[in-house]
Amino acid sequence: MKDLMREEIKFPVVWHYHIIVESEDTECVEALKGILSDFDRRIRLEPGAPSGGGRYQSYRADAEVNSLEELEGLSSRLEKVRGVKFLL
């Protein structure tokens, strides 16, 4: 699978993350910001639309990654944050 991804994705690439979190979990948002600033200080976590019921909030972050390993490492760290429901 990794070999297939290496052939299909041309690095460096800007990866567009959509992150869905519980709306009231401010610690989650701060943890995400910390991970993104560790990776690259220019990446901003931009809020999107809340869910219809207001329970969830979406965020967008665009990160330039130089390799599949870098992409997998960043994705893994983001998805492990408590309060993250979906990482797209």
N, C-alpha and C. Protein backbone atom coordinates (compact mmCIF):
# COMPACT_ATOMS: atom_id res chain seq x y z
N MET A 1 0.82 -1.19 0.00
CA MET A 1 0.00 0.00 0.00
C MET A 1 0.87 1.27 0.00
N LYS A 2 1.90 1.28 0.86
CA LYS A 2 2.76 2.46 0.93
C LYS A 2 3.45 2.72 -0.41
N ASP A 3 3.90 1.65 -1.07
CA ASP A 3 4.55 1.82 -2.37
C ASP A 3 3.59 2.43 -3.38
N LEU A 4 2.33 1.99 -3.34
CA LEU A 4 1.32 2.53 -4.24
C LEU A 4 1.11 4.02 -3.96
N MET A 5 1.04 4.39 -2.67
CA MET A 5 0.86 5.80 -2.31
C MET A 5 2.06 6.63 -2.76
N ARG A 6 3.26 6.09 -2.63
CA ARG A 6 4.46 6.82 -3.05
C ARG A 6 4.41 7.13 -4.54
N GLU A 7 3.89 6.20 -5.31
CA GLU A 7 3.82 6.39 -6.76
C GLU A 7 2.73 7.37 -7.15
N GLU A 8 1.64 7.43 -6.38
CA GLU A 8 0.51 8.28 -6.75
C GLU A 8 0.62 9.70 -6.21
N ILE A 9 1.27 9.88 -5.09
CA ILE A 9 1.42 11.20 -4.48
C ILE A 9 2.81 11.72 -4.80
N LYS A 10 2.87 12.91 -5.37
CA LYS A 10 4.15 13.53 -5.69
C LYS A 10 4.53 14.50 -4.57
N PHE A 11 5.62 14.18 -3.89
CA PHE A 11 6.08 15.00 -2.78
C PHE A 11 7.11 16.00 -3.26
N PRO A 12 7.18 17.17 -2.65
CA PRO A 12 6.34 17.65 -1.55
C PRO A 12 4.92 17.93 -2.03
N VAL A 13 3.98 17.85 -1.08
CA VAL A 13 2.58 18.07 -1.38
C VAL A 13 1.93 18.82 -0.22
N VAL A 14 0.95 19.65 -0.54
CA VAL A 14 0.17 20.30 0.51
C VAL A 14 -1.01 19.39 0.81
N TRP A 15 -1.06 18.90 2.05
CA TRP A 15 -2.12 17.99 2.48
C TRP A 15 -3.17 18.81 3.21
N HIS A 16 -4.42 18.67 2.80
CA HIS A 16 -5.52 19.44 3.37
C HIS A 16 -6.24 18.59 4.41
N TYR A 17 -6.02 18.91 5.67
CA TYR A 17 -6.68 18.19 6.75
C TYR A 17 -8.02 18.84 7.09
N HIS A 18 -9.01 18.00 7.32
CA HIS A 18 -10.28 18.43 7.91
C HIS A 18 -10.40 17.64 9.20
N ILE A 19 -10.51 18.36 10.30
CA ILE A 19 -10.50 17.74 11.62
C ILE A 19 -11.81 18.07 12.31
N ILE A 20 -12.49 17.04 12.77
CA ILE A 20 -13.76 17.23 13.47
C ILE A 20 -13.53 16.93 14.95
N VAL A 21 -13.89 17.89 15.80
CA VAL A 21 -13.69 17.74 17.25
C VAL A 21 -15.00 18.06 17.97
N GLU A 22 -15.06 17.67 19.22
CA GLU A 22 -16.20 18.05 20.05
C GLU A 22 -16.11 19.56 20.30
N SER A 23 -17.22 20.26 20.10
CA SER A 23 -17.22 21.73 20.12
C SER A 23 -16.66 22.34 21.40
N GLU A 24 -16.94 21.75 22.52
CA GLU A 24 -16.57 22.38 23.79
C GLU A 24 -15.22 21.93 24.32
N ASP A 25 -14.48 21.16 23.57
CA ASP A 25 -13.20 20.63 24.04
C ASP A 25 -12.06 21.57 23.64
N THR A 26 -11.83 22.60 24.43
CA THR A 26 -10.78 23.57 24.12
C THR A 26 -9.39 22.98 24.29
N GLU A 27 -9.24 21.99 25.17
CA GLU A 27 -7.94 21.34 25.34
C GLU A 27 -7.54 20.61 24.06
N CYS A 28 -8.51 20.02 23.39
CA CYS A 28 -8.25 19.32 22.13
C CYS A 28 -7.72 20.30 21.09
N VAL A 29 -8.36 21.43 20.95
CA VAL A 29 -7.95 22.43 19.97
C VAL A 29 -6.55 22.93 20.28
N GLU A 30 -6.25 23.17 21.54
CA GLU A 30 -4.90 23.63 21.92
C GLU A 30 -3.86 22.55 21.64
N ALA A 31 -4.20 21.29 21.87
CA ALA A 31 -3.27 20.20 21.57
C ALA A 31 -3.01 20.11 20.07
N LEU A 32 -4.05 20.28 19.25
CA LEU A 32 -3.88 20.27 17.79
C LEU A 32 -2.97 21.41 17.34
N LYS A 33 -3.20 22.60 17.89
CA LYS A 33 -2.36 23.75 17.56
C LYS A 33 -0.90 23.48 17.92
N GLY A 34 -0.68 22.84 19.06
CA GLY A 34 0.68 22.52 19.49
C GLY A 34 1.38 21.56 18.53
N ILE A 35 0.67 20.54 18.09
CA ILE A 35 1.24 19.58 17.14
C ILE A 35 1.57 20.28 15.83
N LEU A 36 0.66 21.09 15.34
CA LEU A 36 0.89 21.79 14.08
C LEU A 36 2.04 22.78 14.19
N SER A 37 2.18 23.45 15.33
CA SER A 37 3.29 24.39 15.48
C SER A 37 4.62 23.65 15.61
N ASP A 38 4.61 22.45 16.20
CA ASP A 38 5.83 21.63 16.24
C ASP A 38 6.26 21.26 14.83
N PHE A 39 5.27 20.96 13.98
CA PHE A 39 5.55 20.52 12.62
C PHE A 39 6.02 21.68 11.75
N ASP A 40 5.29 22.78 11.80
CA ASP A 40 5.61 23.94 10.95
C ASP A 40 4.85 25.13 11.51
N ARG A 41 5.53 26.13 11.93
CA ARG A 41 4.89 27.27 12.60
C ARG A 41 3.95 28.07 11.69
N ARG A 42 4.01 27.85 10.40
CA ARG A 42 3.13 28.60 9.49
C ARG A 42 1.76 27.95 9.30
N ILE A 43 1.57 26.75 9.80
CA ILE A 43 0.28 26.08 9.64
C ILE A 43 -0.69 26.64 10.67
N ARG A 44 -1.85 27.04 10.17
CA ARG A 44 -2.88 27.57 11.06
C ARG A 44 -4.06 26.61 11.09
N LEU A 45 -4.67 26.51 12.25
CA LEU A 45 -5.87 25.71 12.42
C LEU A 45 -7.05 26.66 12.25
N GLU A 46 -7.73 26.55 11.13
CA GLU A 46 -8.82 27.46 10.79
C GLU A 46 -10.17 26.82 11.11
N PRO A 47 -11.00 27.49 11.90
CA PRO A 47 -12.31 26.92 12.21
C PRO A 47 -13.23 26.93 10.98
N GLY A 48 -14.03 25.89 10.88
CA GLY A 48 -15.03 25.79 9.83
C GLY A 48 -16.41 25.88 10.46
N ALA A 49 -17.34 25.24 9.84
CA ALA A 49 -18.73 25.28 10.31
C ALA A 49 -18.95 24.30 11.46
N PRO A 50 -19.76 24.70 12.43
CA PRO A 50 -20.16 23.74 13.47
C PRO A 50 -21.21 22.79 12.90
N SER A 51 -21.39 21.66 13.56
CA SER A 51 -22.43 20.73 13.14
C SER A 51 -23.80 21.35 13.38
N GLY A 52 -24.81 20.79 12.76
CA GLY A 52 -26.16 21.33 12.88
C GLY A 52 -26.64 21.45 14.32
N GLY A 53 -26.31 20.46 15.13
CA GLY A 53 -26.71 20.49 16.53
C GLY A 53 -25.73 21.20 17.43
N GLY A 54 -24.58 21.63 16.87
CA GLY A 54 -23.59 22.36 17.65
C GLY A 54 -22.67 21.48 18.49
N ARG A 55 -22.81 20.17 18.38
CA ARG A 55 -22.00 19.28 19.20
C ARG A 55 -20.55 19.18 18.69
N TYR A 56 -20.36 19.35 17.40
CA TYR A 56 -19.04 19.21 16.80
C TYR A 56 -18.64 20.47 16.06
N GLN A 57 -17.33 20.67 15.96
CA GLN A 57 -16.76 21.80 15.25
C GLN A 57 -15.73 21.26 14.27
N SER A 58 -15.74 21.79 13.05
CA SER A 58 -14.73 21.37 12.08
C SER A 58 -13.61 22.40 12.02
N TYR A 59 -12.43 21.92 11.69
CA TYR A 59 -11.26 22.77 11.50
C TYR A 59 -10.54 22.31 10.24
N ARG A 60 -9.80 23.23 9.66
CA ARG A 60 -8.99 22.91 8.48
C ARG A 60 -7.56 23.34 8.75
N ALA A 61 -6.64 22.51 8.30
CA ALA A 61 -5.22 22.83 8.38
C ALA A 61 -4.57 22.31 7.11
N ASP A 62 -3.81 23.16 6.46
CA ASP A 62 -3.09 22.79 5.24
C ASP A 62 -1.60 22.69 5.57
N ALA A 63 -1.04 21.50 5.39
CA ALA A 63 0.36 21.27 5.76
C ALA A 63 1.14 20.77 4.55
N GLU A 64 2.29 21.38 4.31
CA GLU A 64 3.17 20.88 3.26
C GLU A 64 4.03 19.78 3.86
N VAL A 65 3.96 18.60 3.26
CA VAL A 65 4.75 17.47 3.73
C VAL A 65 5.71 17.03 2.62
N ASN A 66 6.88 16.57 3.03
CA ASN A 66 7.93 16.24 2.08
C ASN A 66 8.06 14.76 1.77
N SER A 67 7.36 13.91 2.55
CA SER A 67 7.47 12.47 2.33
C SER A 67 6.25 11.77 2.92
N LEU A 68 6.07 10.52 2.51
CA LEU A 68 4.98 9.71 3.05
C LEU A 68 5.17 9.50 4.55
N GLU A 69 6.39 9.32 4.98
CA GLU A 69 6.66 9.12 6.41
C GLU A 69 6.27 10.35 7.21
N GLU A 70 6.57 11.53 6.68
CA GLU A 70 6.21 12.77 7.35
C GLU A 70 4.69 12.92 7.42
N LEU A 71 4.01 12.60 6.34
CA LEU A 71 2.54 12.66 6.30
C LEU A 71 1.93 11.70 7.31
N GLU A 72 2.41 10.47 7.33
CA GLU A 72 1.88 9.48 8.26
C GLU A 72 2.16 9.87 9.71
N GLY A 73 3.34 10.42 9.97
CA GLY A 73 3.68 10.84 11.33
C GLY A 73 2.79 11.96 11.83
N LEU A 74 2.58 12.97 11.00
CA LEU A 74 1.72 14.08 11.40
C LEU A 74 0.28 13.61 11.57
N SER A 75 -0.20 12.82 10.64
CA SER A 75 -1.58 12.31 10.73
C SER A 75 -1.77 11.48 11.99
N SER A 76 -0.82 10.65 12.30
CA SER A 76 -0.90 9.81 13.49
C SER A 76 -0.98 10.65 14.76
N ARG A 77 -0.16 11.66 14.84
CA ARG A 77 -0.19 12.53 16.03
C ARG A 77 -1.52 13.26 16.15
N LEU A 78 -2.03 13.76 15.03
CA LEU A 78 -3.31 14.51 15.07
C LEU A 78 -4.47 13.61 15.47
N GLU A 79 -4.54 12.41 14.92
CA GLU A 79 -5.68 11.55 15.19
C GLU A 79 -5.67 10.98 16.61
N LYS A 80 -4.53 11.02 17.28
CA LYS A 80 -4.44 10.49 18.64
C LYS A 80 -4.86 11.51 19.71
N VAL A 81 -5.11 12.74 19.31
CA VAL A 81 -5.49 13.76 20.27
C VAL A 81 -6.88 13.45 20.83
N ARG A 82 -7.00 13.45 22.15
CA ARG A 82 -8.28 13.21 22.78
C ARG A 82 -9.27 14.28 22.36
N GLY A 83 -10.44 13.86 21.91
CA GLY A 83 -11.46 14.80 21.47
C GLY A 83 -11.59 14.87 19.95
N VAL A 84 -10.60 14.36 19.22
CA VAL A 84 -10.71 14.31 17.76
C VAL A 84 -11.63 13.16 17.40
N LYS A 85 -12.68 13.47 16.67
CA LYS A 85 -13.65 12.45 16.26
C LYS A 85 -13.35 11.92 14.87
N PHE A 86 -12.94 12.79 13.96
CA PHE A 86 -12.60 12.39 12.60
C PHE A 86 -11.43 13.22 12.10
N LEU A 87 -10.57 12.57 11.35
CA LEU A 87 -9.47 13.25 10.68
C LEU A 87 -9.56 12.86 9.22
N LEU A 88 -9.87 13.83 8.38
CA LEU A 88 -10.04 13.56 6.96
C LEU A 88 -8.95 14.25 6.17
